[in-house]
Structure formats: structure tokens, C-alpha cells
């Protein structure tokens, strides 16, 4: 199993990297998902999240929008897979795990920090800032 540290990584680039590795057949766990960053203007990002969250149905039916930072990162990865409902995309989707901290069962594993971040001077915010 490959364990990747999400601290300071751009969410989109991390999602592409993880999706490609999962499609190759690797099992991947992402730790520190609440430290993953989203580039862009914080006010616009927060407005988009709040708009999605306010569009809910009744108490018995959806659509519901995720509020947990590990699920936000996993949803971004799901968008990079070819078809998460069937075929190879579904198999790859089942090989991906996301955690907000380092769980005990992954404490012995070597944690990688891939060099996939190419940002220079962008405005960015951490995922945990939007999950309050």
C-alpha cells in the first residue's frame, strides 16, 4: 500500500496523481486530507461551497453536499476516474482511502510526499477552512 501525505498539496494535482496510480492497480491511502490546499480566491471558493450546500431537498431525500474534508478530497479524486460506477474505474475507486490524520494501522508505513505541486504564488486556502 502506498501512503501519501496531503499536507500542502494542491487538491486537483493530487487527485490526478492518485487517480492515475489507482488505475495502474496500486492501493493508495491519503493522510492529512484537511491540510490539502485549494487554489483560488477564498471568497469565491467559499461562495461556491455554500451555494452547493444550500441546494438541499427535504429531510428524506437529496441532493446532499459533503462537509467532511476527507470526503471533499475523495470526491475530487472520483471526478478524475473514468467511470467510478462500473469497470476499471470502480475497481480503482475501491483502492483509494482518505484520512484526516494518520490512523494507527498506517503508523508503520512509510509516508510519501510526492513532488506534484508546481504552484508559485497563487492564493490558496486549506480544505479544513471550508468544513466548519
C-alpha atoms as a PDB file:
ATOM      1  CA  UNK A   1       0.000   0.000   0.000  1.00  0.00           C
ATOM      2  CA  UNK A   2       1.205   3.477  -0.842  1.00  0.00           C
ATOM      3  CA  UNK A   3       0.629   6.199   1.778  1.00  0.00           C
ATOM      4  CA  UNK A   4       0.669   9.802   0.540  1.00  0.00           C
ATOM      5  CA  UNK A   5       0.833  12.912   2.721  1.00  0.00           C
ATOM      6  CA  UNK A   6      -1.589  15.579   1.531  1.00  0.00           C
ATOM      7  CA  UNK A   7      -0.087  18.454   3.534  1.00  0.00           C
ATOM      8  CA  UNK A   8       0.453  21.437   1.258  1.00  0.00           C
ATOM      9  CA  UNK A   9      -0.552  19.589  -1.906  1.00  0.00           C
ATOM     10  CA  UNK A  10      -2.885  21.167  -4.442  1.00  0.00           C
ATOM     11  CA  UNK A  11      -6.163  19.228  -4.498  1.00  0.00           C
ATOM     12  CA  UNK A  12      -6.500  18.958  -8.270  1.00  0.00           C
ATOM     13  CA  UNK A  13      -2.944  17.839  -8.905  1.00  0.00           C
ATOM     14  CA  UNK A  14      -3.128  15.364  -6.032  1.00  0.00           C
ATOM     15  CA  UNK A  15      -6.409  13.975  -7.388  1.00  0.00           C
ATOM     16  CA  UNK A  16      -4.932  13.412 -10.850  1.00  0.00           C
ATOM     17  CA  UNK A  17      -1.836  11.730  -9.415  1.00  0.00           C
ATOM     18  CA  UNK A  18      -3.820   9.404  -7.138  1.00  0.00           C
ATOM     19  CA  UNK A  19      -6.330   8.518  -9.870  1.00  0.00           C
ATOM     20  CA  UNK A  20      -3.538   7.534 -12.270  1.00  0.00           C
ATOM     21  CA  UNK A  21      -1.821   5.384  -9.650  1.00  0.00           C
ATOM     22  CA  UNK A  22      -5.099   3.682  -8.704  1.00  0.00           C
ATOM     23  CA  UNK A  23      -5.840   2.945 -12.356  1.00  0.00           C
ATOM     24  CA  UNK A  24      -2.443   1.223 -12.569  1.00  0.00           C
ATOM     25  CA  UNK A  25      -3.548  -1.106  -9.766  1.00  0.00           C
ATOM     26  CA  UNK A  26      -1.937   0.404  -6.666  1.00  0.00           C
ATOM     27  CA  UNK A  27      -3.720   0.729  -3.336  1.00  0.00           C
ATOM     28  CA  UNK A  28      -3.392   4.283  -2.074  1.00  0.00           C
ATOM     29  CA  UNK A  29      -4.121   5.940   1.264  1.00  0.00           C
ATOM     30  CA  UNK A  30      -4.037   9.725   1.583  1.00  0.00           C
ATOM     31  CA  UNK A  31      -3.399  11.115   5.066  1.00  0.00           C
ATOM     32  CA  UNK A  32      -3.803  14.702   6.332  1.00  0.00           C
ATOM     33  CA  UNK A  33      -6.618  15.477   3.896  1.00  0.00           C
ATOM     34  CA  UNK A  34      -7.629  18.542   5.890  1.00  0.00           C
ATOM     35  CA  UNK A  35      -4.251  20.128   5.042  1.00  0.00           C
ATOM     36  CA  UNK A  36      -4.758  19.817   1.257  1.00  0.00           C
ATOM     37  CA  UNK A  37      -5.000  23.227  -0.389  1.00  0.00           C
ATOM     38  CA  UNK A  38      -7.461  24.625  -2.900  1.00  0.00           C
ATOM     39  CA  UNK A  39      -6.013  27.350  -5.098  1.00  0.00           C
ATOM     40  CA  UNK A  40      -8.012  30.437  -5.914  1.00  0.00           C
ATOM     41  CA  UNK A  41      -9.750  33.316  -4.235  1.00  0.00           C
ATOM     42  CA  UNK A  42     -11.070  32.222  -0.831  1.00  0.00           C
ATOM     43  CA  UNK A  43     -14.219  34.318  -1.109  1.00  0.00           C
ATOM     44  CA  UNK A  44     -15.213  32.728  -4.440  1.00  0.00           C
ATOM     45  CA  UNK A  45     -14.432  29.200  -3.277  1.00  0.00           C
ATOM     46  CA  UNK A  46     -16.451  29.691  -0.091  1.00  0.00           C
ATOM     47  CA  UNK A  47     -19.357  31.125  -2.098  1.00  0.00           C
ATOM     48  CA  UNK A  48     -19.357  28.061  -4.395  1.00  0.00           C
ATOM     49  CA  UNK A  49     -19.298  25.629  -1.458  1.00  0.00           C
ATOM     50  CA  UNK A  50     -22.101  27.454   0.342  1.00  0.00           C
ATOM     51  CA  UNK A  51     -24.194  27.535  -2.847  1.00  0.00           C
ATOM     52  CA  UNK A  52     -23.828  23.766  -3.235  1.00  0.00           C
ATOM     53  CA  UNK A  53     -24.638  23.179   0.423  1.00  0.00           C
ATOM     54  CA  UNK A  54     -27.755  25.335   0.351  1.00  0.00           C
ATOM     55  CA  UNK A  55     -29.294  23.357  -2.535  1.00  0.00           C
ATOM     56  CA  UNK A  56     -30.741  20.523  -0.474  1.00  0.00           C
ATOM     57  CA  UNK A  57     -34.035  18.748  -0.760  1.00  0.00           C
ATOM     58  CA  UNK A  58     -36.320  17.711   2.068  1.00  0.00           C
ATOM     59  CA  UNK A  59     -35.061  15.858   5.117  1.00  0.00           C
ATOM     60  CA  UNK A  60     -35.705  12.494   3.469  1.00  0.00           C
ATOM     61  CA  UNK A  61     -34.115  12.971   0.072  1.00  0.00           C
ATOM     62  CA  UNK A  62     -31.121  14.723  -1.528  1.00  0.00           C
ATOM     63  CA  UNK A  63     -29.168  16.181  -3.023  1.00  0.00           C
ATOM     64  CA  UNK A  64     -26.744  16.432  -0.152  1.00  0.00           C
ATOM     65  CA  UNK A  65     -23.310  18.020  -0.373  1.00  0.00           C
ATOM     66  CA  UNK A  66     -20.341  16.718   1.586  1.00  0.00           C
ATOM     67  CA  UNK A  67     -18.975  18.661   4.551  1.00  0.00           C
ATOM     68  CA  UNK A  68     -16.065  16.479   5.727  1.00  0.00           C
ATOM     69  CA  UNK A  69     -12.624  17.385   4.365  1.00  0.00           C
ATOM     70  CA  UNK A  70     -11.559  13.792   3.635  1.00  0.00           C
ATOM     71  CA  UNK A  71     -14.740  13.295   1.604  1.00  0.00           C
ATOM     72  CA  UNK A  72     -14.149  16.516  -0.341  1.00  0.00           C
ATOM     73  CA  UNK A  73     -10.718  15.230  -1.391  1.00  0.00           C
ATOM     74  CA  UNK A  74     -12.082  11.776  -2.230  1.00  0.00           C
ATOM     75  CA  UNK A  75     -14.846  13.331  -4.327  1.00  0.00           C
ATOM     76  CA  UNK A  76     -12.224  15.276  -6.307  1.00  0.00           C
ATOM     77  CA  UNK A  77     -10.353  12.026  -6.966  1.00  0.00           C
ATOM     78  CA  UNK A  78     -13.600  10.365  -8.058  1.00  0.00           C
ATOM     79  CA  UNK A  79     -14.010  13.062 -10.691  1.00  0.00           C
ATOM     80  CA  UNK A  80     -10.665  12.094 -12.213  1.00  0.00           C
ATOM     81  CA  UNK A  81     -11.578   8.425 -12.635  1.00  0.00           C
ATOM     82  CA  UNK A  82     -13.065   7.315 -15.978  1.00  0.00           C
ATOM     83  CA  UNK A  83     -16.281   5.732 -14.624  1.00  0.00           C
ATOM     84  CA  UNK A  84     -16.460   5.095 -10.894  1.00  0.00           C
ATOM     85  CA  UNK A  85     -19.732   3.152 -11.205  1.00  0.00           C
ATOM     86  CA  UNK A  86     -18.516   0.251 -13.308  1.00  0.00           C
ATOM     87  CA  UNK A  87     -15.490  -1.365 -14.879  1.00  0.00           C
ATOM     88  CA  UNK A  88     -11.930  -0.273 -14.220  1.00  0.00           C
ATOM     89  CA  UNK A  89     -12.979   2.989 -12.593  1.00  0.00           C
ATOM     90  CA  UNK A  90     -14.952   1.141  -9.914  1.00  0.00           C
ATOM     91  CA  UNK A  91     -12.026  -1.152  -9.170  1.00  0.00           C
ATOM     92  CA  UNK A  92      -9.716   1.853  -8.872  1.00  0.00           C
ATOM     93  CA  UNK A  93     -12.254   3.699  -6.668  1.00  0.00           C
ATOM     94  CA  UNK A  94     -12.206   0.805  -4.197  1.00  0.00           C
ATOM     95  CA  UNK A  95      -8.392   1.040  -3.899  1.00  0.00           C
ATOM     96  CA  UNK A  96      -8.415   4.615  -2.529  1.00  0.00           C
ATOM     97  CA  UNK A  97      -8.714   5.601   1.152  1.00  0.00           C
ATOM     98  CA  UNK A  98      -8.625   9.105   2.637  1.00  0.00           C
ATOM     99  CA  UNK A  99      -7.957  10.087   6.260  1.00  0.00           C
ATOM    100  CA  UNK A 100      -7.791  13.413   8.113  1.00  0.00           C
ATOM    101  CA  UNK A 101      -4.984  12.158  10.380  1.00  0.00           C
ATOM    102  CA  UNK A 102      -2.639   9.198  10.299  1.00  0.00           C
ATOM    103  CA  UNK A 103      -4.582   6.147  11.504  1.00  0.00           C
ATOM    104  CA  UNK A 104      -2.971   3.542  13.775  1.00  0.00           C
ATOM    105  CA  UNK A 105      -2.993   0.832  11.119  1.00  0.00           C
ATOM    106  CA  UNK A 106      -0.889   3.026   8.815  1.00  0.00           C
ATOM    107  CA  UNK A 107       1.517   4.186  11.534  1.00  0.00           C
ATOM    108  CA  UNK A 108       4.229   1.724  10.445  1.00  0.00           C
ATOM    109  CA  UNK A 109       4.019   2.544   6.739  1.00  0.00           C
ATOM    110  CA  UNK A 110       6.422   4.909   5.002  1.00  0.00           C
ATOM    111  CA  UNK A 111       4.629   8.158   4.183  1.00  0.00           C
ATOM    112  CA  UNK A 112       5.490   9.695   0.801  1.00  0.00           C
ATOM    113  CA  UNK A 113       5.235  13.323  -0.154  1.00  0.00           C
ATOM    114  CA  UNK A 114       5.156  13.359  -3.966  1.00  0.00           C
ATOM    115  CA  UNK A 115       6.533  16.385  -5.747  1.00  0.00           C
ATOM    116  CA  UNK A 116       3.491  17.279  -7.802  1.00  0.00           C
ATOM    117  CA  UNK A 117       2.998  20.836  -6.609  1.00  0.00           C
ATOM    118  CA  UNK A 118       4.023  23.408  -9.201  1.00  0.00           C
ATOM    119  CA  UNK A 119       2.374  26.480  -7.712  1.00  0.00           C
ATOM    120  CA  UNK A 120       4.458  29.592  -7.375  1.00  0.00           C
ATOM    121  CA  UNK A 121       2.447  32.484  -5.984  1.00  0.00           C
ATOM    122  CA  UNK A 122      -1.210  31.566  -6.026  1.00  0.00           C
ATOM    123  CA  UNK A 123      -3.831  32.443  -3.485  1.00  0.00           C
ATOM    124  CA  UNK A 124      -4.908  29.307  -1.699  1.00  0.00           C
ATOM    125  CA  UNK A 125      -6.914  28.017   1.237  1.00  0.00           C
ATOM    126  CA  UNK A 126      -6.886  24.711   3.110  1.00  0.00           C
ATOM    127  CA  UNK A 127      -9.822  22.334   2.802  1.00  0.00           C
ATOM    128  CA  UNK A 128     -10.463  22.397   6.560  1.00  0.00           C
ATOM    129  CA  UNK A 129     -11.338  26.109   6.326  1.00  0.00           C
ATOM    130  CA  UNK A 130     -14.480  25.246   4.339  1.00  0.00           C
ATOM    131  CA  UNK A 131     -15.729  22.403   6.541  1.00  0.00           C
ATOM    132  CA  UNK A 132     -16.687  24.463   9.591  1.00  0.00           C
END
